[in-house]
Amino acid sequence: MGGEMRAALRRFGRAVLGLSLGFATAMAGIIVLSGLLICALLVVTLPLLPTVARAQRWVVAVDRRRIAARTGTPIPVHYAELSGPLSQQIITVITDPATRRDLLWQAVHLPAGMLLGLIGFGLPVSVPQNLVVVPLIWWAVPGGIDGSYGVHVHSWPTAALCAGSGLLAAALAWFLVPRAADWEARWAPNLLAPGRASLVQRVAELTATRAAALEAHGAELRRIERDLHDGTQNRLVAVVMHLGIVERALRRDPAVALSSVLTAQNAATDALTELREVVRSIYPPVLADRGLDGAVDAVVARCPIPCTLTVTGLRRLPAAVEAAAYFVIAEALTNVAKHSGAESAQVSLAVQGDHLVVEVRDDGHGGAEEANGTGLTGIRRRVAAFDGRTTLSSPEGGPTVLGVRLPTGT
């Protein structure tokens, strides 16, 4: 019996917390919806639309986590990326199906969340006030004191009436609050979850991402095979040949064999060096030793043109994510050095929420295009394999800005 009571109390407490949080998000929704309305009606405030949309996403994300905690089932969502020029971000906000679904949720949740919040928060809070506080302190207040339900307590009989209303509120709260939370949990996922069209779009994106990942994986295997075949294998063949020469020389004239031994040793050293380079191209050891910021700092230091690095809020990330970011930056700086004609470059690394944001900027002549064989296609495929996003801004005359967002998997 004690276990059942503890379970009921926990269920009641979770319901109170969930509905109270829903009341808070409903109140925050008033501010967000007002901001969106102002941005839509006044041209001068239109540039604030992406910022307000980000605030809306954050508020609705709280509701998604709240409802998911109640139902035990995560609620997926896929927003269009708010990146690039301001005009592009505004268009993205307007056309994004997930943003429109958030608007529908907030329009429904605003009145429903406030009503359920009053049940989930107002009733439990009124219980101790009417049951204990007011009946015990009324005599110390000249003229009496008002309870929560219109009972003016100025005598012991009215104090008993107030306490009775507190008992009734406690019974109503015990009965209504968990059921109100369950009722919200039944209909809320239908509005918060993506619609069929969004799911179809997401499946198409994931299919394309999977294809890009397989293509990038195949290209990486071919590159490793080519490096081993054209470089390391030839070096090892040379070692075997020189050792054969050494063997014959030892049979004829051991004194002459020394030069052949040294040649074979040099060839083996060269093969080992090339093999290490191939291994580094798979996963650079410097990433494990110094982390992403240290590894990128080394790449920046080797850049032929002056380059600076800015790091904000970076922490250790999954090895695959760090390797992808490292190779993206290395390839981008190689492109800058070879093709841009730039005099300086800047690299920035930052963790924003659950994404690693990479930006490589140069002051070159611009005009970078993926079709020109500058490695940008490989960068985009590598990023797409992680379900990331790549943006490129390179007008004629510069500057060129390459932006990458990689999910951190946290």
Protein backbone atom coordinates (compact mmCIF):
# COMPACT_ATOMS: atom_id res chain seq x y z
CA MET A 1 0.00 0.00 0.00
CA GLY A 2 2.84 2.34 0.84
CA GLY A 3 4.43 1.65 -2.55
CA GLU A 4 1.18 2.43 -4.36
CA MET A 5 0.83 5.70 -2.47
CA ARG A 6 4.40 6.72 -3.31
CA ALA A 7 3.78 5.92 -6.97
CA ALA A 8 0.56 7.98 -6.92
CA LEU A 9 2.39 10.89 -5.28
CA ARG A 10 5.13 10.74 -7.91
CA ARG A 11 2.53 10.66 -10.67
CA PHE A 12 0.77 13.64 -9.11
CA GLY A 13 4.03 15.56 -8.71
CA ARG A 14 5.03 14.94 -12.35
CA ALA A 15 1.60 16.09 -13.49
CA VAL A 16 1.84 19.30 -11.42
CA LEU A 17 5.32 20.01 -12.79
CA GLY A 18 4.32 19.29 -16.40
CA LEU A 19 1.17 21.43 -16.34
CA SER A 20 2.96 24.25 -14.53
CA LEU A 21 5.69 24.22 -17.17
CA GLY A 22 2.99 24.20 -19.83
CA PHE A 23 1.48 27.31 -18.25
CA ALA A 24 4.91 28.98 -18.47
CA THR A 25 5.34 28.07 -22.15
CA ALA A 26 1.84 29.34 -22.88
CA MET A 27 2.75 32.68 -21.33
CA ALA A 28 6.03 32.72 -23.28
CA GLY A 29 4.00 31.89 -26.40
CA ILE A 30 2.11 35.15 -25.99
CA ILE A 31 5.39 37.06 -26.27
CA VAL A 32 6.61 34.97 -29.22
CA LEU A 33 3.34 35.20 -31.16
CA SER A 34 3.22 38.95 -30.53
CA GLY A 35 6.75 39.26 -31.87
CA LEU A 36 5.90 37.25 -34.98
CA LEU A 37 2.80 39.38 -35.56
CA ILE A 38 4.79 42.60 -35.22
CA CYS A 39 7.45 41.30 -37.63
CA ALA A 40 4.75 40.36 -40.13
CA LEU A 41 2.92 43.71 -39.96
CA LEU A 42 5.84 46.14 -39.76
CA VAL A 43 8.48 46.08 -42.48
CA VAL A 44 11.00 47.79 -40.23
CA THR A 45 10.90 44.84 -37.80
CA LEU A 46 11.07 42.13 -40.49
CA PRO A 47 14.84 41.60 -39.99
CA LEU A 48 14.03 40.41 -36.46
CA LEU A 49 11.91 37.53 -37.82
CA PRO A 50 14.70 34.87 -37.73
CA THR A 51 15.56 35.80 -34.13
CA VAL A 52 11.92 35.55 -33.06
CA ALA A 53 11.62 32.24 -34.93
CA ARG A 54 14.59 30.85 -33.00
CA ALA A 55 12.92 31.91 -29.75
CA GLN A 56 9.73 30.19 -30.89
CA ARG A 57 11.63 26.99 -31.67
CA TRP A 58 13.17 27.04 -28.18
CA VAL A 59 9.80 27.52 -26.46
CA VAL A 60 8.12 24.75 -28.49
CA ALA A 61 11.14 22.49 -27.87
CA VAL A 62 10.38 22.77 -24.14
CA ASP A 63 6.83 21.59 -24.84
CA ARG A 64 8.10 18.69 -26.96
CA ARG A 65 10.39 17.51 -24.19
CA ARG A 66 7.63 18.01 -21.62
CA ILE A 67 5.07 15.96 -23.55
CA ALA A 68 7.67 13.34 -24.49
CA ALA A 69 8.52 12.90 -20.82
CA ARG A 70 4.82 12.35 -20.09
CA THR A 71 4.22 9.86 -22.92
CA GLY A 72 7.64 8.19 -22.91
CA THR A 73 7.90 8.65 -26.68
CA PRO A 74 10.24 11.23 -28.25
CA ILE A 75 8.58 13.71 -30.61
CA PRO A 76 10.72 14.23 -33.72
CA VAL A 77 11.12 17.57 -35.44
CA HIS A 78 13.16 18.80 -38.39
CA TYR A 79 13.52 22.52 -38.91
CA ALA A 80 14.92 24.14 -42.00
CA GLU A 81 18.36 25.56 -41.30
CA LEU A 82 18.40 29.27 -40.46
CA SER A 83 21.70 30.22 -42.04
CA GLY A 84 23.08 32.35 -44.82
CA PRO A 85 22.06 35.90 -45.71
CA LEU A 86 19.28 37.56 -43.74
CA SER A 87 16.91 37.53 -46.72
CA GLN A 88 17.40 33.78 -47.09
CA GLN A 89 16.69 33.24 -43.39
CA ILE A 90 13.46 35.24 -43.62
CA ILE A 91 12.30 33.18 -46.61
CA THR A 92 13.21 29.98 -44.73
CA VAL A 93 11.09 31.02 -41.73
CA ILE A 94 8.12 31.79 -43.95
CA THR A 95 8.30 28.56 -45.98
CA ASP A 96 9.36 26.10 -43.26
CA PRO A 97 6.53 23.56 -42.59
CA ALA A 98 7.83 22.86 -39.06
CA THR A 99 7.63 26.57 -38.19
CA ARG A 100 4.03 26.73 -39.42
CA ARG A 101 3.24 23.67 -37.30
CA ASP A 102 4.74 25.42 -34.29
CA LEU A 103 2.42 28.35 -34.95
CA LEU A 104 -0.59 26.03 -34.95
CA TRP A 105 0.58 24.42 -31.71
CA GLN A 106 1.05 27.73 -29.96
CA ALA A 107 -2.35 29.02 -31.13
CA VAL A 108 -4.00 25.96 -29.55
CA HIS A 109 -1.68 25.68 -26.56
CA LEU A 110 -2.06 29.31 -25.50
CA PRO A 111 -5.62 28.98 -24.10
CA ALA A 112 -5.37 25.25 -23.32
CA GLY A 113 -2.03 25.58 -21.55
CA MET A 114 -3.25 28.49 -19.42
CA LEU A 115 -6.41 26.61 -18.41
CA LEU A 116 -4.55 23.37 -17.65
CA GLY A 117 -1.87 25.36 -15.84
CA LEU A 118 -4.48 26.90 -13.56
CA ILE A 119 -5.70 23.37 -12.77
CA GLY A 120 -2.24 21.90 -12.36
CA PHE A 121 -0.70 24.82 -10.46
CA GLY A 122 -3.56 26.89 -9.05
CA LEU A 123 -5.44 24.10 -7.31
CA PRO A 124 -2.44 22.55 -5.50
CA VAL A 125 -1.14 25.97 -4.44
CA SER A 126 -4.52 26.99 -3.02
CA VAL A 127 -4.74 23.89 -0.81
CA PRO A 128 -2.24 24.86 1.91
CA GLN A 129 -3.42 28.47 1.78
CA ASN A 130 -7.06 27.62 2.49
CA LEU A 131 -6.50 24.53 4.57
CA VAL A 132 -3.75 25.79 6.89
CA VAL A 133 -2.52 29.36 6.41
CA VAL A 134 -5.74 31.40 6.36
CA PRO A 135 -7.55 29.49 9.19
CA LEU A 136 -4.53 29.91 11.46
CA ILE A 137 -3.66 33.57 10.92
CA TRP A 138 -7.06 35.23 10.31
CA TRP A 139 -7.32 36.40 13.92
CA ALA A 140 -4.03 38.32 13.64
CA VAL A 141 -5.31 40.43 10.72
CA PRO A 142 -7.69 43.28 11.65
CA GLY A 143 -10.99 42.77 9.85
CA GLY A 144 -10.15 39.20 8.83
CA ILE A 145 -8.63 37.82 5.64
CA ASP A 146 -9.93 36.50 2.32
CA GLY A 147 -9.42 32.91 1.25
CA SER A 148 -8.90 31.75 -2.34
CA TYR A 149 -12.55 31.01 -3.10
CA GLY A 150 -14.32 34.15 -1.93
CA VAL A 151 -14.65 33.10 1.73
CA HIS A 152 -13.97 36.06 4.02
CA VAL A 153 -12.52 34.58 7.22
CA HIS A 154 -13.33 36.72 10.25
CA SER A 155 -14.43 34.09 12.77
CA TRP A 156 -13.75 30.48 13.64
CA PRO A 157 -16.85 29.20 11.78
CA THR A 158 -15.69 30.98 8.61
CA ALA A 159 -12.21 29.60 9.24
CA ALA A 160 -13.68 26.10 9.33
CA LEU A 161 -15.54 26.86 6.08
CA CYS A 162 -12.28 28.01 4.48
CA ALA A 163 -10.53 24.85 5.67
CA GLY A 164 -13.38 22.82 4.17
CA SER A 165 -12.88 24.54 0.81
CA GLY A 166 -9.17 23.66 1.09
CA LEU A 167 -10.05 19.99 1.62
CA LEU A 168 -12.37 20.12 -1.40
CA ALA A 169 -9.60 21.74 -3.48
CA ALA A 170 -7.20 19.00 -2.38
CA ALA A 171 -9.65 16.30 -3.47
CA LEU A 172 -10.28 18.02 -6.80
CA ALA A 173 -6.55 18.49 -7.40
CA TRP A 174 -5.83 14.83 -6.59
CA PHE A 175 -8.52 13.75 -9.05
CA LEU A 176 -8.17 16.35 -11.82
CA VAL A 177 -4.46 17.16 -12.14
CA PRO A 178 -3.16 13.74 -13.30
CA ARG A 179 -6.14 13.32 -15.63
CA ALA A 180 -5.60 16.79 -17.10
CA ALA A 181 -1.94 15.94 -17.76
CA ASP A 182 -2.94 12.62 -19.37
CA TRP A 183 -5.53 14.38 -21.52
CA GLU A 184 -2.95 16.88 -22.77
CA ALA A 185 -0.51 14.07 -23.48
CA ARG A 186 -3.09 12.35 -25.70
CA TRP A 187 -3.73 15.22 -28.11
CA ALA A 188 -0.53 17.28 -27.94
CA PRO A 189 1.71 14.87 -29.94
CA ASN A 190 -0.65 15.13 -32.90
CA LEU A 191 0.14 18.85 -33.16
CA LEU A 192 3.80 18.74 -32.14
CA ALA A 193 4.88 15.82 -34.34
CA PRO A 194 5.70 16.51 -37.99
CA GLY A 195 2.96 15.96 -40.53
CA ARG A 196 3.05 13.32 -43.25
CA ALA A 197 4.49 15.73 -45.80
CA SER A 198 7.31 16.68 -43.42
CA LEU A 199 8.06 13.03 -42.75
CA VAL A 200 8.18 12.27 -46.47
CA GLN A 201 10.54 15.21 -46.97
CA ARG A 202 12.71 14.03 -44.08
CA VAL A 203 12.84 10.47 -45.45
CA ALA A 204 13.91 11.87 -48.81
CA GLU A 205 16.64 13.93 -47.13
CA LEU A 206 17.87 10.93 -45.13
CA THR A 207 17.89 8.82 -48.29
CA ALA A 208 20.01 11.43 -50.02
CA THR A 209 22.24 11.68 -46.96
CA ARG A 210 22.71 7.90 -46.92
CA ALA A 211 23.60 7.92 -50.60
CA ALA A 212 26.09 10.73 -49.98
CA ALA A 213 27.58 8.82 -47.05
CA LEU A 214 28.02 5.68 -49.15
CA GLU A 215 29.53 7.69 -52.00
CA ALA A 216 31.90 9.50 -49.63
CA HIS A 217 32.85 6.18 -48.04
CA GLY A 218 33.52 4.63 -51.44
CA ALA A 219 35.61 7.63 -52.53
CA GLU A 220 37.62 7.44 -49.31
CA LEU A 221 38.30 3.73 -49.79
CA ARG A 222 39.40 4.36 -53.39
CA ARG A 223 41.71 7.15 -52.25
CA ILE A 224 43.30 4.96 -49.57
CA GLU A 225 43.67 2.10 -52.06
CA ARG A 226 45.27 4.45 -54.59
CA ASP A 227 47.67 5.87 -52.01
CA LEU A 228 48.69 2.39 -50.90
CA HIS A 229 49.02 1.10 -54.46
CA ASP A 230 50.83 4.05 -56.01
CA GLY A 231 53.04 4.96 -53.06
CA THR A 232 53.54 2.49 -50.23
CA GLN A 233 53.31 -0.63 -52.37
CA ASN A 234 55.92 0.67 -54.82
CA ARG A 235 58.23 1.51 -51.94
CA LEU A 236 57.86 -1.99 -50.48
CA VAL A 237 58.50 -3.56 -53.89
CA ALA A 238 61.68 -1.51 -54.07
CA VAL A 239 62.70 -2.78 -50.63
CA VAL A 240 62.19 -6.39 -51.76
CA MET A 241 64.22 -5.76 -54.92
CA HIS A 242 67.09 -4.20 -52.99
CA LEU A 243 67.07 -7.08 -50.50
CA GLY A 244 67.34 -9.47 -53.44
CA ILE A 245 70.32 -7.50 -54.72
CA VAL A 246 71.83 -7.66 -51.21
CA GLU A 247 71.37 -11.42 -51.14
CA ARG A 248 73.22 -11.88 -54.44
CA ALA A 249 75.93 -9.43 -53.42
CA LEU A 250 76.51 -11.28 -50.15
CA ARG A 251 77.11 -14.48 -52.10
CA ARG A 252 79.61 -12.80 -54.44
CA ASP A 253 81.26 -9.98 -52.49
CA PRO A 254 79.99 -9.14 -48.93
CA ALA A 255 81.90 -5.86 -48.90
CA VAL A 256 79.87 -4.52 -51.84
CA ALA A 257 76.56 -5.46 -50.17
CA LEU A 258 76.71 -2.59 -47.65
CA SER A 259 75.58 0.09 -50.12
CA SER A 260 72.65 -2.10 -51.18
CA VAL A 261 71.68 -2.64 -47.52
CA LEU A 262 71.68 1.12 -46.95
CA THR A 263 69.57 1.66 -50.06
CA ALA A 264 67.07 -0.97 -48.90
CA GLN A 265 66.98 0.65 -45.47
CA ASN A 266 66.21 4.07 -47.00
CA ALA A 267 63.49 2.54 -49.17
CA ALA A 268 61.93 0.88 -46.10
CA THR A 269 62.06 4.19 -44.23
CA ASP A 270 60.32 5.94 -47.14
CA ALA A 271 57.66 3.21 -47.26
CA LEU A 272 57.06 3.58 -43.51
CA THR A 273 56.75 7.37 -43.88
CA GLU A 274 54.20 7.04 -46.68
CA LEU A 275 52.27 4.42 -44.71
CA ARG A 276 52.10 6.82 -41.76
CA GLU A 277 50.78 9.52 -44.07
CA VAL A 278 48.03 7.19 -45.26
CA VAL A 279 47.12 6.36 -41.65
CA ARG A 280 47.05 10.07 -40.76
CA SER A 281 44.69 10.68 -43.69
CA ILE A 282 42.25 8.19 -42.14
CA TYR A 283 42.34 9.61 -38.61
CA PRO A 284 45.11 12.04 -37.69
CA PRO A 285 46.75 11.05 -34.36
CA VAL A 286 46.98 14.75 -33.48
CA LEU A 287 43.20 14.73 -32.98
CA ALA A 288 43.49 12.14 -30.23
CA ASP A 289 46.53 13.85 -28.71
CA ARG A 290 45.55 17.53 -28.84
CA GLY A 291 41.84 17.60 -29.60
CA LEU A 292 40.14 19.35 -32.49
CA ASP A 293 41.28 22.84 -31.54
CA GLY A 294 44.91 21.76 -31.26
CA ALA A 295 44.79 19.80 -34.51
CA VAL A 296 43.21 22.70 -36.40
CA ASP A 297 45.72 25.09 -34.85
CA ALA A 298 48.46 22.98 -36.40
CA VAL A 299 46.74 23.09 -39.80
CA VAL A 300 46.32 26.87 -39.53
CA ALA A 301 50.00 27.25 -38.62
CA ARG A 302 51.02 25.33 -41.77
CA CYS A 303 48.77 27.40 -44.06
CA PRO A 304 50.88 29.20 -46.71
CA ILE A 305 48.96 32.44 -46.21
CA PRO A 306 48.42 34.27 -42.89
CA CYS A 307 45.55 32.56 -41.08
CA THR A 308 43.91 33.02 -37.67
CA LEU A 309 41.82 30.62 -35.58
CA THR A 310 38.93 31.51 -33.27
CA VAL A 311 37.52 28.86 -30.92
CA THR A 312 34.32 29.34 -28.91
CA GLY A 313 32.85 26.86 -26.43
CA LEU A 314 34.57 23.86 -27.98
CA ARG A 315 34.64 20.56 -26.08
CA ARG A 316 35.67 17.03 -26.94
CA LEU A 317 33.28 15.61 -29.51
CA PRO A 318 32.82 12.14 -31.05
CA ALA A 319 35.92 11.11 -32.98
CA ALA A 320 34.08 10.89 -36.30
CA VAL A 321 32.74 14.45 -35.94
CA GLU A 322 36.17 15.83 -35.03
CA ALA A 323 37.77 14.02 -37.96
CA ALA A 324 35.15 15.34 -40.38
CA ALA A 325 35.64 18.92 -39.16
CA TYR A 326 39.43 18.55 -39.32
CA PHE A 327 39.42 17.33 -42.92
CA VAL A 328 36.88 19.99 -43.95
CA ILE A 329 39.13 22.74 -42.61
CA ALA A 330 42.27 21.19 -44.09
CA GLU A 331 40.64 20.88 -47.52
CA ALA A 332 39.16 24.38 -47.32
CA LEU A 333 42.52 25.98 -46.46
CA THR A 334 44.15 24.02 -49.27
CA ASN A 335 41.56 25.50 -51.64
CA VAL A 336 42.22 28.98 -50.26
CA ALA A 337 45.96 28.63 -50.80
CA LYS A 338 45.62 27.21 -54.33
CA HIS A 339 42.71 29.06 -55.89
CA SER A 340 41.60 32.15 -53.99
CA GLY A 341 44.50 34.59 -54.34
CA ALA A 342 43.76 35.63 -50.76
CA GLU A 343 46.11 37.56 -48.53
CA SER A 344 44.59 36.31 -45.28
CA ALA A 345 42.10 33.76 -43.97
CA GLN A 346 40.14 33.17 -40.78
CA VAL A 347 38.89 29.90 -39.31
CA SER A 348 36.31 29.76 -36.53
CA LEU A 349 35.12 26.78 -34.50
CA ALA A 350 32.14 26.96 -32.16
CA VAL A 351 29.66 24.62 -30.50
CA GLN A 352 26.13 25.99 -30.75
CA GLY A 353 23.59 23.79 -29.02
CA ASP A 354 23.97 20.31 -30.48
CA HIS A 355 25.92 21.44 -33.57
CA LEU A 356 29.57 22.10 -34.31
CA VAL A 357 29.78 25.22 -36.47
CA VAL A 358 32.82 25.67 -38.71
CA GLU A 359 33.51 28.76 -40.81
CA VAL A 360 36.43 29.36 -43.16
CA ARG A 361 36.67 32.90 -44.56
CA ASP A 362 39.19 34.42 -46.96
CA ASP A 363 39.62 37.81 -48.62
CA GLY A 364 40.37 36.40 -52.07
CA HIS A 365 38.80 37.18 -55.43
CA GLY A 366 35.74 34.95 -54.83
CA GLY A 367 33.84 33.14 -57.55
CA ALA A 368 34.35 29.70 -55.98
CA GLU A 369 32.14 27.01 -57.51
CA GLU A 370 31.80 23.33 -56.81
CA ALA A 371 31.94 22.50 -60.51
CA ASN A 372 35.49 23.86 -60.80
CA GLY A 373 37.08 20.87 -59.07
CA THR A 374 38.13 22.79 -55.96
CA GLY A 375 37.24 20.04 -53.50
CA LEU A 376 33.99 21.68 -52.43
CA THR A 377 31.96 18.70 -53.66
CA GLY A 378 33.99 16.39 -51.46
CA ILE A 379 33.47 18.71 -48.48
CA ARG A 380 29.72 18.79 -49.06
CA ARG A 381 29.53 15.00 -49.35
CA ARG A 382 31.61 14.49 -46.21
CA VAL A 383 29.34 16.85 -44.26
CA ALA A 384 26.14 15.35 -45.72
CA ALA A 385 27.27 11.93 -44.50
CA PHE A 386 26.75 13.27 -40.95
CA ASP A 387 23.38 14.84 -41.82
CA GLY A 388 25.12 18.21 -41.65
CA ARG A 389 24.72 21.37 -43.70
CA THR A 390 27.18 23.19 -45.95
CA THR A 391 26.79 26.77 -47.16
CA LEU A 392 29.03 28.71 -49.53
CA SER A 393 29.04 32.43 -50.20
CA SER A 394 31.60 33.49 -52.81
CA PRO A 395 30.57 36.52 -54.87
CA GLU A 396 32.92 37.84 -57.53
CA GLY A 397 35.48 40.01 -55.80
CA GLY A 398 35.12 38.12 -52.53
CA PRO A 399 35.07 37.42 -49.73
CA THR A 400 34.51 33.67 -49.76
CA VAL A 401 32.81 32.18 -46.71
CA LEU A 402 32.42 28.42 -46.29
CA GLY A 403 30.07 27.45 -43.47
CA VAL A 404 29.54 23.95 -42.09
CA ARG A 405 27.18 22.71 -39.36
CA LEU A 406 27.78 19.20 -38.04
CA PRO A 407 25.49 17.49 -35.51
CA THR A 408 27.53 16.59 -32.45
CA GLY A 409 25.39 13.60 -31.59
CA THR A 410 24.85 14.85 -28.01
